[in-house]
Amino acid sequence: MSETRVKGTVVRQHRSHFVVEGDEGTEYLCGVSSKLRKTLEYPEADRASLHHRVQNVAKITATSPVVVGDRVEIEL
């Protein structure tokens, strides 16, 4: 199965979704993968550890690694 990838720029954010304008001019509504989001929310305590631990949840103000203006590659 072939995956199609498109490069573009994040132009807007709406709640937990982002609008990415592809280099060809088409806009795509996108979200951050749950795997990446979980990695940000529950970082591994140690490289040798396979278990995730919550670390300083009160200090986490944002878990999105994407902001308007970022260059991204999306999977269609």
Protein backbone atom coordinates (compact mmCIF):
# COMPACT_ATOMS: atom_id res chain seq x y z
CA MET A 1 0.00 0.00 0.00
CA SER A 2 1.44 3.35 -1.06
CA GLU A 3 1.36 6.30 1.33
CA THR A 4 1.05 9.77 -0.12
CA ARG A 5 2.93 12.55 1.64
CA VAL A 6 2.58 16.28 1.06
CA LYS A 7 4.83 19.09 2.29
CA GLY A 8 3.32 22.40 3.29
CA THR A 9 2.98 25.19 5.84
CA VAL A 10 0.61 25.38 8.82
CA VAL A 11 -1.60 28.41 8.16
CA ARG A 12 -4.30 28.15 10.87
CA GLN A 13 -5.11 26.29 14.06
CA HIS A 14 -8.65 25.39 15.07
CA ARG A 15 -8.87 23.73 18.49
CA SER A 16 -6.81 20.54 18.16
CA HIS A 17 -6.65 20.58 14.35
CA PHE A 18 -4.46 22.47 11.91
CA VAL A 19 -4.96 23.73 8.38
CA VAL A 20 -1.92 23.00 6.25
CA GLU A 21 -1.48 24.68 2.89
CA GLY A 22 0.36 22.26 0.64
CA ASP A 23 3.11 23.52 -1.63
CA GLU A 24 0.70 22.98 -4.55
CA GLY A 25 -1.86 25.36 -2.94
CA THR A 26 -4.41 22.84 -1.59
CA GLU A 27 -5.49 23.17 2.06
CA TYR A 28 -5.70 20.10 4.30
CA LEU A 29 -7.30 19.74 7.74
CA CYS A 30 -4.82 17.81 9.90
CA GLY A 31 -4.25 16.61 13.43
CA VAL A 32 -1.24 15.47 15.44
CA SER A 33 -0.92 11.68 15.60
CA SER A 34 -1.95 10.12 18.89
CA LYS A 35 1.43 8.36 19.11
CA LEU A 36 3.28 11.69 19.03
CA ARG A 37 0.80 13.32 21.42
CA LYS A 38 1.20 10.46 23.95
CA THR A 39 4.98 10.72 23.71
CA LEU A 40 4.73 14.42 24.61
CA GLU A 41 2.28 13.89 27.48
CA TYR A 42 3.96 10.80 28.93
CA PRO A 43 7.69 11.02 28.31
CA GLU A 44 9.81 7.98 29.08
CA ALA A 45 11.44 8.25 32.47
CA ASP A 46 14.64 6.59 31.30
CA ARG A 47 15.91 5.29 27.98
CA ALA A 48 16.17 1.78 29.46
CA SER A 49 12.58 1.96 30.71
CA LEU A 50 9.75 0.70 28.53
CA HIS A 51 7.14 2.24 30.83
CA HIS A 52 5.89 5.80 30.52
CA ARG A 53 5.51 8.00 33.57
CA VAL A 54 3.65 11.26 33.97
CA GLN A 55 6.15 13.96 34.85
CA ASN A 56 5.04 17.35 36.17
CA VAL A 57 1.61 17.44 34.54
CA ALA A 58 0.81 20.73 36.26
CA LYS A 59 3.73 22.33 34.41
CA ILE A 60 2.63 21.19 30.94
CA THR A 61 0.91 24.16 29.31
CA ALA A 62 0.77 22.84 25.74
CA THR A 63 1.35 19.45 24.20
CA SER A 64 1.25 20.42 20.57
CA PRO A 65 4.57 20.45 18.75
CA VAL A 66 2.97 22.37 15.86
CA VAL A 67 2.45 26.13 15.53
CA VAL A 68 1.27 28.38 12.70
CA GLY A 69 4.12 28.98 10.27
CA ASP A 70 5.77 25.58 10.73
CA ARG A 71 6.82 23.63 7.67
CA VAL A 72 5.39 20.12 7.95
CA GLU A 73 5.01 16.90 6.00
CA ILE A 74 1.57 15.26 6.18
CA GLU A 75 0.31 11.79 5.35
CA LEU A 76 -2.85 11.67 3.28
